[in-house]
Amino acid sequence: MQKNSVLIVVDVQNGFTTGGNLAVANAEQIIPLINQLILKFKNVVLTQDWHPHNHISFAENHVNKKAYDTIQVNYGTQVLWPSHCVQGTQDADFHPDLEITTAQLIIRKGVDSQIDSYSAFMEADRKTTTGLAGYLKERGIDTVYIVGIATDFCVAWSAIDAAKLGFETYVISDATKAIDLHGSLQHAWQEMLANGVRRTVSPHILQSGQD
C-alpha cells in the first residue's frame, strides 16, 4: 500500500484468543489473514491492551459485581470485564502466530488504572490521547486501515476516532472478530458508518497489485 496508508492491528493478544481470559470466539482464525495484510503495508502499528491488576474495568475489583455488569464512573458507563491482559503476563502477550517484525510502533492502552481504553487514539475519558494521531500525521499518513479484536469495541472505537481526527478510515471486516455483547456488533457498525468509517474486505487489499 502507498506510503500515506497505515495498517493498525488491534489487540491480537493471547487474552482475546482461545484460552485467554477474555477470549473472543475463534479470534485466532483471522491471524493468517492479518499476516497477509501486514505484508502489503509499508506502515504497520500494533495496539496492545496493557492493564494494571487493579484496573477499574475488572469486575473482580468491584464488590458484588460480576463480568459484563456496568458501573458509572466519572467518564460515563463502564462495562466490567474479566481480568485480562494484565501487564507482564502471558495473557497480555501478542499471539505467537502474529507477524510483528515489521511493525514500527506499539501503542499500549489501558495502562492507567482509573481509565479504560478501547481506542488506539484516545482513552475512554475522551481527553487523554495516546499520541498516535500526531505520530501518523508527522509521517504524512492520511489513510488508516484497521483489523483485529474486537470489532465492536476496540476496533470500532479506534475507527470512529480515526475518522473524527480526519483520517480516511477503513475497517477490513473479514480480518476482525467481535464479542457481540447484547447486539453490540450491529450497533458498532451503525456507529462506524454514521461517523464516516468505510467497510471493506481483504481481497480488495490483497488483490490490489500494490506493494
N, C-alpha and C. Protein backbone atom coordinates (compact mmCIF):
# COMPACT_ATOMS: atom_id res chain seq x y z
N MET A 1 0.83 -1.20 0.00
CA MET A 1 0.00 0.00 0.00
C MET A 1 0.87 1.25 0.00
N GLN A 2 0.28 2.37 -0.40
CA GLN A 2 1.03 3.61 -0.55
C GLN A 2 1.63 4.06 0.78
N LYS A 3 2.62 4.93 0.68
CA LYS A 3 3.31 5.43 1.87
C LYS A 3 2.38 6.19 2.81
N ASN A 4 1.27 6.71 2.27
CA ASN A 4 0.38 7.51 3.10
C ASN A 4 -0.67 6.68 3.82
N SER A 5 -0.55 5.35 3.76
CA SER A 5 -1.50 4.45 4.41
C SER A 5 -0.84 3.68 5.55
N VAL A 6 -1.64 3.34 6.56
CA VAL A 6 -1.15 2.53 7.67
C VAL A 6 -2.15 1.43 7.98
N LEU A 7 -1.63 0.28 8.38
CA LEU A 7 -2.46 -0.80 8.90
C LEU A 7 -2.33 -0.79 10.42
N ILE A 8 -3.45 -0.62 11.11
CA ILE A 8 -3.47 -0.68 12.57
C ILE A 8 -4.04 -2.04 12.98
N VAL A 9 -3.23 -2.83 13.67
CA VAL A 9 -3.62 -4.17 14.10
C VAL A 9 -3.98 -4.09 15.58
N VAL A 10 -5.25 -4.28 15.87
CA VAL A 10 -5.77 -4.01 17.21
C VAL A 10 -5.83 -5.29 18.06
N ASP A 11 -5.04 -5.30 19.12
CA ASP A 11 -5.18 -6.24 20.24
C ASP A 11 -5.22 -7.72 19.86
N VAL A 12 -4.33 -8.13 18.98
CA VAL A 12 -4.24 -9.56 18.65
C VAL A 12 -3.33 -10.21 19.69
N GLN A 13 -3.92 -10.44 20.85
CA GLN A 13 -3.19 -10.89 22.04
C GLN A 13 -3.76 -12.20 22.55
N ASN A 14 -2.94 -12.89 23.35
CA ASN A 14 -3.39 -14.16 23.93
C ASN A 14 -4.69 -14.00 24.71
N GLY A 15 -4.85 -12.88 25.38
CA GLY A 15 -6.02 -12.67 26.22
C GLY A 15 -7.34 -12.68 25.48
N PHE A 16 -7.30 -12.37 24.18
CA PHE A 16 -8.53 -12.28 23.40
C PHE A 16 -8.71 -13.46 22.45
N THR A 17 -7.83 -14.44 22.54
CA THR A 17 -7.92 -15.62 21.68
C THR A 17 -8.17 -16.86 22.55
N THR A 18 -8.38 -17.99 21.92
CA THR A 18 -8.74 -19.22 22.65
C THR A 18 -7.76 -19.50 23.79
N GLY A 19 -8.32 -19.71 24.98
CA GLY A 19 -7.51 -19.94 26.16
C GLY A 19 -7.22 -18.68 26.94
N GLY A 20 -7.56 -17.53 26.38
CA GLY A 20 -7.31 -16.26 27.05
C GLY A 20 -8.38 -15.91 28.05
N ASN A 21 -8.10 -14.91 28.88
CA ASN A 21 -9.02 -14.53 29.95
C ASN A 21 -10.25 -13.79 29.46
N LEU A 22 -10.19 -13.22 28.26
CA LEU A 22 -11.35 -12.58 27.65
C LEU A 22 -11.42 -13.02 26.19
N ALA A 23 -11.47 -14.33 26.00
CA ALA A 23 -11.38 -14.91 24.66
C ALA A 23 -12.60 -14.54 23.82
N VAL A 24 -12.34 -14.12 22.58
CA VAL A 24 -13.37 -13.86 21.59
C VAL A 24 -13.43 -15.10 20.70
N ALA A 25 -14.62 -15.65 20.52
CA ALA A 25 -14.76 -16.94 19.83
C ALA A 25 -14.06 -16.94 18.47
N ASN A 26 -13.18 -17.90 18.30
CA ASN A 26 -12.49 -18.14 17.02
C ASN A 26 -11.63 -16.97 16.55
N ALA A 27 -11.23 -16.11 17.46
CA ALA A 27 -10.50 -14.91 17.05
C ALA A 27 -9.18 -15.24 16.36
N GLU A 28 -8.53 -16.33 16.78
CA GLU A 28 -7.23 -16.65 16.18
C GLU A 28 -7.36 -17.02 14.69
N GLN A 29 -8.58 -17.30 14.25
CA GLN A 29 -8.76 -17.67 12.84
C GLN A 29 -8.42 -16.53 11.88
N ILE A 30 -8.46 -15.29 12.36
CA ILE A 30 -8.16 -14.16 11.47
C ILE A 30 -6.67 -13.85 11.39
N ILE A 31 -5.85 -14.49 12.22
CA ILE A 31 -4.43 -14.12 12.27
C ILE A 31 -3.71 -14.39 10.95
N PRO A 32 -3.88 -15.54 10.29
CA PRO A 32 -3.21 -15.73 8.99
C PRO A 32 -3.57 -14.64 7.97
N LEU A 33 -4.82 -14.23 7.97
CA LEU A 33 -5.24 -13.17 7.05
C LEU A 33 -4.60 -11.83 7.43
N ILE A 34 -4.56 -11.53 8.71
CA ILE A 34 -3.89 -10.31 9.16
C ILE A 34 -2.42 -10.32 8.74
N ASN A 35 -1.76 -11.47 8.88
CA ASN A 35 -0.36 -11.56 8.47
C ASN A 35 -0.18 -11.30 6.98
N GLN A 36 -1.11 -11.76 6.16
CA GLN A 36 -1.05 -11.47 4.72
C GLN A 36 -1.20 -9.97 4.48
N LEU A 37 -2.12 -9.35 5.20
CA LEU A 37 -2.34 -7.91 5.04
C LEU A 37 -1.12 -7.11 5.49
N ILE A 38 -0.50 -7.53 6.58
CA ILE A 38 0.69 -6.83 7.08
C ILE A 38 1.76 -6.74 5.99
N LEU A 39 1.90 -7.79 5.20
CA LEU A 39 2.91 -7.80 4.14
C LEU A 39 2.63 -6.78 3.04
N LYS A 40 1.39 -6.29 2.96
CA LYS A 40 1.02 -5.34 1.92
C LYS A 40 1.26 -3.89 2.31
N PHE A 41 1.60 -3.65 3.57
CA PHE A 41 1.70 -2.28 4.07
C PHE A 41 3.13 -1.92 4.44
N LYS A 42 3.54 -0.72 4.05
CA LYS A 42 4.84 -0.20 4.48
C LYS A 42 4.78 0.27 5.93
N ASN A 43 3.60 0.67 6.37
CA ASN A 43 3.43 1.22 7.72
C ASN A 43 2.47 0.33 8.51
N VAL A 44 2.94 -0.17 9.65
CA VAL A 44 2.14 -1.06 10.49
C VAL A 44 2.27 -0.62 11.95
N VAL A 45 1.12 -0.47 12.61
CA VAL A 45 1.08 -0.13 14.04
C VAL A 45 0.30 -1.22 14.76
N LEU A 46 0.79 -1.66 15.90
CA LEU A 46 0.10 -2.64 16.73
C LEU A 46 -0.42 -1.96 17.99
N THR A 47 -1.62 -2.36 18.44
CA THR A 47 -2.07 -1.94 19.77
C THR A 47 -2.07 -3.14 20.69
N GLN A 48 -1.88 -2.82 21.97
CA GLN A 48 -1.74 -3.88 22.98
C GLN A 48 -2.43 -3.44 24.27
N ASP A 49 -3.50 -4.15 24.66
CA ASP A 49 -4.10 -3.93 25.96
C ASP A 49 -3.06 -4.25 27.02
N TRP A 50 -2.90 -3.35 28.02
CA TRP A 50 -1.79 -3.50 28.95
C TRP A 50 -2.21 -2.94 30.31
N HIS A 51 -3.04 -3.74 31.01
CA HIS A 51 -3.71 -3.25 32.21
C HIS A 51 -2.94 -3.56 33.48
N PRO A 52 -2.94 -2.64 34.47
CA PRO A 52 -2.50 -3.00 35.81
C PRO A 52 -3.53 -3.94 36.45
N HIS A 53 -3.11 -4.70 37.45
CA HIS A 53 -4.00 -5.72 38.05
C HIS A 53 -5.20 -5.09 38.74
N ASN A 54 -5.09 -3.82 39.14
CA ASN A 54 -6.17 -3.15 39.86
C ASN A 54 -7.00 -2.26 38.93
N HIS A 55 -7.10 -2.63 37.68
CA HIS A 55 -7.76 -1.77 36.70
C HIS A 55 -9.25 -1.63 37.00
N ILE A 56 -9.77 -0.42 36.74
CA ILE A 56 -11.15 -0.08 37.04
C ILE A 56 -12.15 -0.92 36.25
N SER A 57 -11.73 -1.47 35.11
CA SER A 57 -12.66 -2.23 34.26
C SER A 57 -12.79 -3.69 34.67
N PHE A 58 -12.02 -4.13 35.65
CA PHE A 58 -12.06 -5.53 36.05
C PHE A 58 -13.15 -5.75 37.09
N ALA A 59 -14.07 -6.68 36.80
CA ALA A 59 -15.19 -6.94 37.69
C ALA A 59 -14.71 -7.33 39.10
N GLU A 60 -13.60 -8.07 39.17
CA GLU A 60 -13.13 -8.56 40.49
C GLU A 60 -12.69 -7.42 41.40
N ASN A 61 -12.49 -6.23 40.84
CA ASN A 61 -12.08 -5.08 41.64
C ASN A 61 -13.26 -4.28 42.19
N HIS A 62 -14.49 -4.82 42.02
CA HIS A 62 -15.69 -4.13 42.49
C HIS A 62 -16.54 -5.11 43.31
N VAL A 63 -16.94 -4.67 44.48
CA VAL A 63 -17.71 -5.52 45.39
C VAL A 63 -19.09 -5.82 44.78
N ASN A 64 -19.48 -7.09 44.85
CA ASN A 64 -20.80 -7.53 44.40
C ASN A 64 -21.06 -7.27 42.91
N LYS A 65 -19.99 -7.25 42.11
CA LYS A 65 -20.15 -7.08 40.67
C LYS A 65 -19.58 -8.30 39.96
N LYS A 66 -20.16 -8.60 38.80
CA LYS A 66 -19.64 -9.71 38.00
C LYS A 66 -19.36 -9.21 36.58
N ALA A 67 -18.65 -10.05 35.84
CA ALA A 67 -18.28 -9.68 34.47
C ALA A 67 -19.52 -9.34 33.65
N TYR A 68 -19.38 -8.28 32.87
CA TYR A 68 -20.41 -7.75 31.95
C TYR A 68 -21.49 -6.93 32.64
N ASP A 69 -21.41 -6.78 33.98
CA ASP A 69 -22.19 -5.72 34.63
C ASP A 69 -21.65 -4.38 34.16
N THR A 70 -22.38 -3.32 34.45
CA THR A 70 -21.88 -1.97 34.17
C THR A 70 -21.88 -1.16 35.45
N ILE A 71 -21.00 -0.19 35.49
CA ILE A 71 -20.96 0.78 36.59
C ILE A 71 -20.87 2.17 36.00
N GLN A 72 -21.13 3.17 36.82
CA GLN A 72 -20.95 4.56 36.41
C GLN A 72 -19.63 5.07 36.98
N VAL A 73 -18.81 5.62 36.11
CA VAL A 73 -17.55 6.23 36.53
C VAL A 73 -17.56 7.68 36.06
N ASN A 74 -16.51 8.42 36.37
CA ASN A 74 -16.56 9.86 36.08
C ASN A 74 -16.57 10.18 34.59
N TYR A 75 -16.28 9.20 33.74
CA TYR A 75 -16.36 9.45 32.30
C TYR A 75 -17.54 8.74 31.65
N GLY A 76 -18.48 8.20 32.46
CA GLY A 76 -19.68 7.60 31.89
C GLY A 76 -19.86 6.15 32.33
N THR A 77 -20.53 5.37 31.48
CA THR A 77 -20.82 3.97 31.78
C THR A 77 -19.63 3.10 31.42
N GLN A 78 -19.25 2.24 32.33
CA GLN A 78 -18.12 1.34 32.14
C GLN A 78 -18.58 -0.11 32.21
N VAL A 79 -18.36 -0.87 31.15
CA VAL A 79 -18.58 -2.32 31.19
C VAL A 79 -17.49 -2.95 32.04
N LEU A 80 -17.87 -3.88 32.89
CA LEU A 80 -16.89 -4.62 33.69
C LEU A 80 -16.52 -5.92 32.99
N TRP A 81 -15.24 -6.18 32.90
CA TRP A 81 -14.73 -7.34 32.17
C TRP A 81 -14.05 -8.31 33.12
N PRO A 82 -13.92 -9.58 32.70
CA PRO A 82 -12.99 -10.46 33.42
C PRO A 82 -11.59 -9.85 33.38
N SER A 83 -10.81 -10.07 34.41
CA SER A 83 -9.43 -9.56 34.40
C SER A 83 -8.70 -10.13 33.19
N HIS A 84 -8.04 -9.26 32.44
CA HIS A 84 -7.41 -9.71 31.18
C HIS A 84 -6.24 -8.80 30.85
N CYS A 85 -5.30 -9.35 30.09
CA CYS A 85 -4.16 -8.60 29.56
C CYS A 85 -3.46 -7.78 30.64
N VAL A 86 -3.22 -8.43 31.76
CA VAL A 86 -2.51 -7.76 32.86
C VAL A 86 -1.04 -7.62 32.48
N GLN A 87 -0.50 -6.45 32.76
CA GLN A 87 0.87 -6.11 32.37
C GLN A 87 1.86 -7.20 32.75
N GLY A 88 2.67 -7.61 31.77
CA GLY A 88 3.74 -8.56 32.03
C GLY A 88 3.33 -10.01 32.07
N THR A 89 2.04 -10.30 31.84
CA THR A 89 1.59 -11.69 31.86
C THR A 89 1.52 -12.24 30.44
N GLN A 90 1.48 -13.57 30.35
CA GLN A 90 1.35 -14.21 29.04
C GLN A 90 0.04 -13.81 28.37
N ASP A 91 -1.00 -13.57 29.17
CA ASP A 91 -2.30 -13.17 28.64
C ASP A 91 -2.19 -11.87 27.84
N ALA A 92 -1.26 -11.00 28.22
CA ALA A 92 -1.09 -9.71 27.55
C ALA A 92 -0.17 -9.79 26.33
N ASP A 93 0.56 -10.89 26.17
CA ASP A 93 1.48 -11.00 25.05
C ASP A 93 0.73 -11.06 23.72
N PHE A 94 1.39 -10.59 22.66
CA PHE A 94 0.83 -10.80 21.33
C PHE A 94 0.72 -12.30 21.07
N HIS A 95 -0.31 -12.67 20.30
CA HIS A 95 -0.47 -14.08 19.95
C HIS A 95 0.79 -14.54 19.20
N PRO A 96 1.32 -15.71 19.52
CA PRO A 96 2.59 -16.14 18.91
C PRO A 96 2.53 -16.27 17.39
N ASP A 97 1.35 -16.45 16.83
CA ASP A 97 1.25 -16.58 15.37
C ASP A 97 1.24 -15.24 14.65
N LEU A 98 1.08 -14.13 15.37
CA LEU A 98 1.02 -12.82 14.73
C LEU A 98 2.40 -12.39 14.27
N GLU A 99 2.48 -11.94 13.03
CA GLU A 99 3.74 -11.46 12.46
C GLU A 99 3.96 -10.01 12.90
N ILE A 100 4.88 -9.80 13.83
CA ILE A 100 5.06 -8.47 14.40
C ILE A 100 6.36 -7.79 13.98
N THR A 101 7.18 -8.47 13.21
CA THR A 101 8.54 -7.97 12.99
C THR A 101 8.58 -6.67 12.19
N THR A 102 7.59 -6.41 11.34
CA THR A 102 7.66 -5.21 10.51
C THR A 102 6.92 -4.02 11.12
N ALA A 103 6.32 -4.20 12.28
CA ALA A 103 5.60 -3.09 12.93
C ALA A 103 6.59 -2.04 13.41
N GLN A 104 6.26 -0.76 13.14
CA GLN A 104 7.13 0.32 13.58
C GLN A 104 6.79 0.86 14.96
N LEU A 105 5.55 0.61 15.43
CA LEU A 105 5.10 1.23 16.67
C LEU A 105 4.12 0.30 17.38
N ILE A 106 4.24 0.23 18.71
CA ILE A 106 3.27 -0.47 19.54
C ILE A 106 2.64 0.56 20.48
N ILE A 107 1.31 0.66 20.42
CA ILE A 107 0.57 1.54 21.33
C ILE A 107 -0.01 0.69 22.44
N ARG A 108 0.44 0.92 23.67
CA ARG A 108 -0.12 0.21 24.82
C ARG A 108 -1.24 1.06 25.43
N LYS A 109 -2.37 0.42 25.68
CA LYS A 109 -3.53 1.18 26.16
C LYS A 109 -4.14 0.50 27.38
N GLY A 110 -4.91 1.30 28.14
CA GLY A 110 -5.47 0.81 29.39
C GLY A 110 -4.46 0.74 30.50
N VAL A 111 -3.41 1.54 30.40
CA VAL A 111 -2.32 1.49 31.38
C VAL A 111 -2.69 2.20 32.68
N ASP A 112 -3.52 3.25 32.59
CA ASP A 112 -3.98 3.99 33.76
C ASP A 112 -5.05 3.16 34.48
N SER A 113 -4.84 2.89 35.75
CA SER A 113 -5.77 2.02 36.50
C SER A 113 -7.18 2.60 36.59
N GLN A 114 -7.34 3.91 36.41
CA GLN A 114 -8.63 4.56 36.60
C GLN A 114 -9.37 4.89 35.31
N ILE A 115 -8.78 4.55 34.16
CA ILE A 115 -9.41 4.87 32.88
C ILE A 115 -9.30 3.66 31.96
N ASP A 116 -10.44 3.22 31.41
CA ASP A 116 -10.36 2.17 30.41
C ASP A 116 -9.96 2.79 29.07
N SER A 117 -9.58 1.96 28.14
CA SER A 117 -9.08 2.48 26.87
C SER A 117 -9.34 1.46 25.78
N TYR A 118 -10.32 1.75 24.94
CA TYR A 118 -10.63 0.89 23.81
C TYR A 118 -9.91 1.36 22.54
N SER A 119 -9.90 2.67 22.35
CA SER A 119 -9.40 3.24 21.10
C SER A 119 -7.88 3.30 21.07
N ALA A 120 -7.34 3.14 19.87
CA ALA A 120 -5.90 3.31 19.67
C ALA A 120 -5.49 4.78 19.76
N PHE A 121 -6.46 5.68 19.68
CA PHE A 121 -6.16 7.11 19.61
C PHE A 121 -6.44 7.86 20.90
N MET A 122 -7.45 7.42 21.66
CA MET A 122 -7.88 8.20 22.82
C MET A 122 -8.50 7.29 23.86
N GLU A 123 -8.20 7.56 25.12
CA GLU A 123 -8.73 6.73 26.20
C GLU A 123 -10.20 7.06 26.43
N ALA A 124 -10.85 6.24 27.27
CA ALA A 124 -12.30 6.32 27.40
C ALA A 124 -12.79 7.59 28.08
N ASP A 125 -11.89 8.34 28.71
CA ASP A 125 -12.32 9.63 29.26
C ASP A 125 -12.49 10.68 28.17
N ARG A 126 -12.10 10.34 26.94
CA ARG A 126 -12.21 11.18 25.76
C ARG A 126 -11.36 12.45 25.88
N LYS A 127 -10.38 12.42 26.76
CA LYS A 127 -9.48 13.56 26.94
C LYS A 127 -8.02 13.15 26.76
N THR A 128 -7.68 11.97 27.25
CA THR A 128 -6.29 11.52 27.26
C THR A 128 -5.96 10.85 25.93
N THR A 129 -5.03 11.44 25.19
CA THR A 129 -4.67 10.89 23.89
C THR A 129 -3.47 9.95 24.02
N THR A 130 -3.35 9.04 23.05
CA THR A 130 -2.22 8.11 23.03
C THR A 130 -1.02 8.66 22.27
N GLY A 131 -1.24 9.72 21.50
CA GLY A 131 -0.18 10.26 20.65
C GLY A 131 -0.13 9.67 19.26
N LEU A 132 -0.99 8.68 18.99
CA LEU A 132 -0.94 8.01 17.69
C LEU A 132 -1.30 8.96 16.54
N ALA A 133 -2.30 9.79 16.73
CA ALA A 133 -2.70 10.71 15.65
C ALA A 133 -1.54 11.61 15.25
N GLY A 134 -0.84 12.14 16.24
CA GLY A 134 0.30 13.01 15.94
C GLY A 134 1.41 12.26 15.22
N TYR A 135 1.66 11.05 15.65
CA TYR A 135 2.69 10.22 15.01
C TYR A 135 2.37 10.00 13.54
N LEU A 136 1.12 9.62 13.26
CA LEU A 136 0.73 9.36 11.87
C LEU A 136 0.80 10.62 11.03
N LYS A 137 0.32 11.74 11.57
CA LYS A 137 0.31 12.98 10.80
C LYS A 137 1.74 13.47 10.54
N GLU A 138 2.60 13.31 11.51
CA GLU A 138 4.02 13.69 11.33
C GLU A 138 4.66 12.89 10.20
N ARG A 139 4.19 11.67 9.98
CA ARG A 139 4.76 10.81 8.94
C ARG A 139 4.00 10.94 7.62
N GLY A 140 3.07 11.86 7.54
CA GLY A 140 2.36 12.10 6.29
C GLY A 140 1.30 11.06 5.96
N ILE A 141 0.85 10.33 6.97
CA ILE A 141 -0.16 9.28 6.76
C ILE A 141 -1.55 9.89 6.90
N ASP A 142 -2.40 9.66 5.89
CA ASP A 142 -3.76 10.20 5.93
C ASP A 142 -4.84 9.14 5.77
N THR A 143 -4.44 7.89 5.57
CA THR A 143 -5.41 6.81 5.35
C THR A 143 -5.11 5.66 6.30
N VAL A 144 -6.15 5.22 7.01
CA VAL A 144 -6.00 4.22 8.06
C VAL A 144 -6.85 3.00 7.72
N TYR A 145 -6.24 1.82 7.79
CA TYR A 145 -6.96 0.55 7.68
C TYR A 145 -6.83 -0.15 9.03
N ILE A 146 -7.95 -0.71 9.52
CA ILE A 146 -7.96 -1.29 10.86
C ILE A 146 -8.44 -2.74 10.80
N VAL A 147 -7.71 -3.61 11.52
CA VAL A 147 -8.07 -5.02 11.67
C VAL A 147 -7.90 -5.40 13.13
N GLY A 148 -8.42 -6.58 13.51
CA GLY A 148 -8.12 -7.10 14.84
C GLY A 148 -9.33 -7.41 15.68
N ILE A 149 -9.15 -7.27 17.01
CA ILE A 149 -10.11 -7.73 18.00
C ILE A 149 -10.38 -6.59 19.00
N ALA A 150 -11.57 -6.35 19.38
CA ALA A 150 -12.81 -6.92 18.89
C ALA A 150 -13.52 -5.87 18.04
N THR A 151 -14.20 -6.32 17.00
CA THR A 151 -14.84 -5.42 16.05
C THR A 151 -15.70 -4.38 16.74
N ASP A 152 -16.46 -4.82 17.74
CA ASP A 152 -17.47 -3.97 18.35
C ASP A 152 -16.98 -3.14 19.52
N PHE A 153 -15.72 -3.26 19.89
CA PHE A 153 -15.19 -2.44 20.97
C PHE A 153 -13.92 -1.72 20.50
N CYS A 154 -12.77 -2.34 20.65
CA CYS A 154 -11.53 -1.62 20.37
C CYS A 154 -11.36 -1.26 18.89
N VAL A 155 -11.80 -2.13 17.99
CA VAL A 155 -11.72 -1.80 16.56
C VAL A 155 -12.65 -0.64 16.24
N ALA A 156 -13.90 -0.73 16.70
CA ALA A 156 -14.88 0.31 16.39
C ALA A 156 -14.48 1.67 16.98
N TRP A 157 -14.08 1.68 18.24
CA TRP A 157 -13.69 2.95 18.86
C TRP A 157 -12.49 3.55 18.15
N SER A 158 -11.53 2.71 17.76
CA SER A 158 -10.35 3.21 17.04
C SER A 158 -10.75 3.79 15.69
N ALA A 159 -11.64 3.10 14.99
CA ALA A 159 -12.06 3.55 13.66
C ALA A 159 -12.82 4.86 13.74
N ILE A 160 -13.75 4.98 14.68
CA ILE A 160 -14.52 6.21 14.82
C ILE A 160 -13.61 7.37 15.17
N ASP A 161 -12.67 7.16 16.09
CA ASP A 161 -11.74 8.23 16.43
C ASP A 161 -10.88 8.62 15.24
N ALA A 162 -10.40 7.64 14.48
CA ALA A 162 -9.58 7.95 13.31
C ALA A 162 -10.36 8.82 12.33
N ALA A 163 -11.61 8.46 12.08
CA ALA A 163 -12.43 9.24 11.15
C ALA A 163 -12.65 10.66 11.68
N LYS A 164 -12.95 10.78 12.96
CA LYS A 164 -13.17 12.10 13.56
C LYS A 164 -11.92 12.97 13.53
N LEU A 165 -10.76 12.32 13.57
CA LEU A 165 -9.48 13.04 13.52
C LEU A 165 -9.05 13.40 12.11
N GLY A 166 -9.88 13.05 11.12
CA GLY A 166 -9.62 13.47 9.76
C GLY A 166 -8.95 12.45 8.87
N PHE A 167 -8.72 11.25 9.38
CA PHE A 167 -8.12 10.21 8.54
C PHE A 167 -9.20 9.54 7.69
N GLU A 168 -8.88 9.21 6.45
CA GLU A 168 -9.73 8.34 5.66
C GLU A 168 -9.61 6.96 6.28
N THR A 169 -10.73 6.38 6.71
CA THR A 169 -10.68 5.23 7.59
C THR A 169 -11.48 4.06 7.04
N TYR A 170 -10.82 2.90 7.03
CA TYR A 170 -11.44 1.67 6.57
C TYR A 170 -11.29 0.60 7.65
N VAL A 171 -12.34 -0.18 7.86
CA VAL A 171 -12.24 -1.40 8.65
C VAL A 171 -12.33 -2.58 7.69
N ILE A 172 -11.34 -3.45 7.75
CA ILE A 172 -11.32 -4.65 6.90
C ILE A 172 -12.09 -5.73 7.65
N SER A 173 -13.38 -5.86 7.32
CA SER A 173 -14.31 -6.57 8.21
C SER A 173 -13.99 -8.06 8.37
N ASP A 174 -13.48 -8.71 7.32
CA ASP A 174 -13.20 -10.14 7.44
C ASP A 174 -11.90 -10.41 8.20
N ALA A 175 -11.19 -9.36 8.57
CA ALA A 175 -9.97 -9.50 9.38
C ALA A 175 -10.20 -8.97 10.79
N THR A 176 -11.48 -9.01 11.23
CA THR A 176 -11.84 -8.66 12.60
C THR A 176 -12.72 -9.76 13.19
N LYS A 177 -12.78 -9.78 14.51
CA LYS A 177 -13.70 -10.68 15.22
C LYS A 177 -14.39 -9.88 16.33
N ALA A 178 -15.66 -10.21 16.58
CA ALA A 178 -16.47 -9.44 17.52
C ALA A 178 -16.81 -10.23 18.77
N ILE A 179 -17.02 -9.50 19.88
CA ILE A 179 -17.59 -10.09 21.09
C ILE A 179 -19.10 -10.26 20.90
N ASP A 180 -19.74 -9.25 20.33
CA ASP A 180 -21.19 -9.20 20.09
C ASP A 180 -21.97 -9.42 21.38
N LEU A 181 -21.83 -8.46 22.28
CA LEU A 181 -22.48 -8.47 23.59
C LEU A 181 -23.77 -7.65 23.51
N HIS A 182 -24.91 -8.32 23.63
CA HIS A 182 -26.22 -7.63 23.61
C HIS A 182 -26.40 -6.78 22.35
N GLY A 183 -26.06 -7.35 21.20
CA GLY A 183 -26.25 -6.63 19.94
C GLY A 183 -25.19 -5.58 19.65
N SER A 184 -24.06 -5.67 20.35
CA SER A 184 -23.04 -4.62 20.22
C SER A 184 -22.40 -4.57 18.84
N LEU A 185 -22.37 -5.69 18.12
CA LEU A 185 -21.74 -5.67 16.80
C LEU A 185 -22.54 -4.83 15.82
N GLN A 186 -23.85 -5.07 15.75
CA GLN A 186 -24.68 -4.28 14.85
C GLN A 186 -24.63 -2.80 15.21
N HIS A 187 -24.70 -2.51 16.49
CA HIS A 187 -24.64 -1.12 16.94
C HIS A 187 -23.31 -0.48 16.55
N ALA A 188 -22.22 -1.23 16.71
CA ALA A 188 -20.89 -0.70 16.39
C ALA A 188 -20.78 -0.35 14.91
N TRP A 189 -21.30 -1.24 14.04
CA TRP A 189 -21.25 -0.94 12.61
C TRP A 189 -22.10 0.27 12.26
N GLN A 190 -23.26 0.41 12.89
CA GLN A 190 -24.08 1.59 12.65
C GLN A 190 -23.33 2.86 13.04
N GLU A 191 -22.67 2.82 14.19
CA GLU A 191 -21.92 3.98 14.67
C GLU A 191 -20.73 4.28 13.75
N MET A 192 -20.02 3.23 13.35
CA MET A 192 -18.87 3.45 12.47
C MET A 192 -19.29 4.09 11.16
N LEU A 193 -20.29 3.52 10.52
CA LEU A 193 -20.72 4.03 9.22
C LEU A 193 -21.28 5.44 9.34
N ALA A 194 -21.99 5.72 10.44
CA ALA A 194 -22.54 7.06 10.66
C ALA A 194 -21.45 8.10 10.84
N ASN A 195 -20.28 7.66 11.28
CA ASN A 195 -19.16 8.59 11.50
C ASN A 195 -18.17 8.62 10.35
N GLY A 196 -18.55 8.02 9.23
CA GLY A 196 -17.72 8.13 8.04
C GLY A 196 -16.71 7.03 7.83
N VAL A 197 -16.73 6.01 8.69
CA VAL A 197 -15.84 4.87 8.51
C VAL A 197 -16.36 4.03 7.33
N ARG A 198 -15.45 3.54 6.52
CA ARG A 198 -15.84 2.72 5.38
C ARG A 198 -15.53 1.25 5.68
N ARG A 199 -16.39 0.38 5.17
CA ARG A 199 -16.21 -1.05 5.38
C ARG A 199 -15.66 -1.67 4.10
N THR A 200 -14.60 -2.45 4.26
CA THR A 200 -14.02 -3.13 3.11
C THR A 200 -13.68 -4.56 3.51
N VAL A 201 -13.19 -5.35 2.55
CA VAL A 201 -12.79 -6.73 2.82
C VAL A 201 -11.40 -6.97 2.26
N SER A 202 -10.75 -8.00 2.78
CA SER A 202 -9.33 -8.22 2.48
C SER A 202 -9.01 -8.43 1.01
N PRO A 203 -9.87 -9.09 0.20
CA PRO A 203 -9.49 -9.26 -1.22
C PRO A 203 -9.25 -7.93 -1.94
N HIS A 204 -9.95 -6.88 -1.53
CA HIS A 204 -9.72 -5.57 -2.15
C HIS A 204 -8.30 -5.07 -1.91
N ILE A 205 -7.73 -5.47 -0.78
CA ILE A 205 -6.36 -5.06 -0.46
C ILE A 205 -5.35 -6.04 -1.06
N LEU A 206 -5.58 -7.30 -0.84
CA LEU A 206 -4.60 -8.32 -1.24
C LEU A 206 -4.47 -8.44 -2.75
N GLN A 207 -5.54 -8.11 -3.49
CA GLN A 207 -5.51 -8.22 -4.95
C GLN A 207 -5.30 -6.88 -5.62
N SER A 208 -4.87 -5.89 -4.83
CA SER A 208 -4.73 -4.54 -5.39
C SER A 208 -3.55 -4.41 -6.33
N GLY A 209 -2.57 -5.34 -6.21
CA GLY A 209 -1.41 -5.28 -7.08
C GLY A 209 -0.36 -4.29 -6.63
N GLN A 210 -0.61 -3.64 -5.45
CA GLN A 210 0.35 -2.68 -4.94
C GLN A 210 1.26 -3.36 -3.94
N ASP A 211 2.49 -2.92 -3.90
CA ASP A 211 3.48 -3.48 -2.96
C ASP A 211 3.87 -2.41 -1.95
